[in-house]
Amino acid sequence: PREEPGVQQWYPADLDGAQSWLGRQVRVTLSNGNQVEGRLVSVGERELEVSRTVAGGEVAYPILIRAITQFDVWRRGRAD
């Protein structure tokens, strides 16, 4: 989809460049269809961690990279 400059929404991002989105809100779609939304905490060779606020605390979920089918970042669009 074409990006709309200045519009904040979910935009697909390249999983290989996930390191550059540390600390940002991300949405990960898994091969089983489940989605996980939260703050990207870390990116390793085999997995990444997404942190979510649960019951007043924060829980980090490790996710295997090979199980990810879609990686989106909540951000403003860029002008073409």
Protein backbone atom coordinates (compact mmCIF):
# COMPACT_ATOMS: atom_id res chain seq x y z
CA PRO A 1 0.00 0.00 0.00
CA ARG A 2 1.09 3.55 -0.73
CA GLU A 3 2.25 5.54 2.29
CA GLU A 4 0.36 8.70 3.22
CA PRO A 5 2.75 11.43 4.42
CA GLY A 6 1.96 12.55 7.95
CA VAL A 7 -0.68 9.85 8.56
CA GLN A 8 0.07 7.68 11.57
CA GLN A 9 -0.98 4.05 11.11
CA TRP A 10 0.43 0.53 10.75
CA TYR A 11 2.94 0.27 7.91
CA PRO A 12 4.64 -2.96 6.80
CA ALA A 13 8.37 -3.06 7.50
CA ASP A 14 11.20 -5.35 6.49
CA LEU A 15 11.91 -7.85 9.25
CA ASP A 16 15.62 -7.76 8.36
CA GLY A 17 15.66 -4.11 9.48
CA ALA A 18 13.73 -4.69 12.72
CA GLN A 19 16.73 -3.54 14.79
CA SER A 20 16.11 0.05 13.62
CA TRP A 21 12.61 -0.01 15.19
CA LEU A 22 13.70 -0.80 18.78
CA GLY A 23 11.48 0.98 21.30
CA ARG A 24 8.67 1.54 18.76
CA GLN A 25 5.16 0.06 18.68
CA VAL A 26 5.06 -2.98 16.41
CA ARG A 27 2.50 -5.56 15.32
CA VAL A 28 3.69 -9.07 14.51
CA THR A 29 1.51 -11.58 12.66
CA LEU A 30 2.47 -15.21 13.26
CA SER A 31 2.15 -18.16 10.89
CA ASN A 32 -0.80 -19.46 12.97
CA GLY A 33 -2.68 -16.19 12.35
CA ASN A 34 -2.24 -14.75 15.87
CA GLN A 35 -1.10 -11.15 16.24
CA VAL A 36 1.05 -9.64 18.96
CA GLU A 37 1.19 -5.87 19.46
CA GLY A 38 3.59 -4.09 21.76
CA ARG A 39 6.92 -2.32 22.09
CA LEU A 40 9.89 -3.90 20.32
CA VAL A 41 12.43 -4.59 23.08
CA SER A 42 15.17 -6.65 21.42
CA VAL A 43 16.14 -8.33 18.16
CA GLY A 44 18.43 -11.36 18.01
CA GLU A 45 19.50 -13.81 15.34
CA ARG A 46 16.65 -16.25 16.00
CA GLU A 47 14.01 -14.26 17.91
CA LEU A 48 12.73 -10.84 18.81
CA GLU A 49 10.98 -9.67 21.98
CA VAL A 50 7.79 -7.64 22.10
CA SER A 51 6.82 -6.10 25.44
CA ARG A 52 3.19 -5.56 26.49
CA THR A 53 1.65 -3.88 29.50
CA VAL A 54 -0.38 -6.42 31.49
CA ALA A 55 -2.12 -5.73 34.82
CA GLY A 56 0.05 -2.70 35.55
CA GLY A 57 3.31 -4.49 34.74
CA GLU A 58 5.26 -5.23 31.61
CA VAL A 59 5.70 -8.68 30.07
CA ALA A 60 8.19 -9.41 27.26
CA TYR A 61 7.20 -12.09 24.75
CA PRO A 62 10.02 -13.82 22.84
CA ILE A 63 8.91 -14.63 19.28
CA LEU A 64 10.81 -16.87 16.88
CA ILE A 65 11.60 -14.95 13.69
CA ARG A 66 10.82 -17.97 11.53
CA ALA A 67 7.22 -17.93 12.88
CA ILE A 68 6.61 -14.33 11.72
CA THR A 69 4.69 -13.78 8.48
CA GLN A 70 4.10 -10.00 8.76
CA PHE A 71 5.94 -7.23 10.64
CA ASP A 72 4.28 -3.80 10.92
CA VAL A 73 5.37 -0.58 12.64
CA TRP A 74 3.06 2.14 14.00
CA ARG A 75 4.48 5.32 12.49
CA ARG A 76 3.83 8.29 10.25
CA GLY A 77 4.01 7.78 6.50
CA ARG A 78 6.85 9.16 4.39
CA ALA A 79 6.56 11.28 1.28
CA ASP A 80 7.51 9.38 -1.89
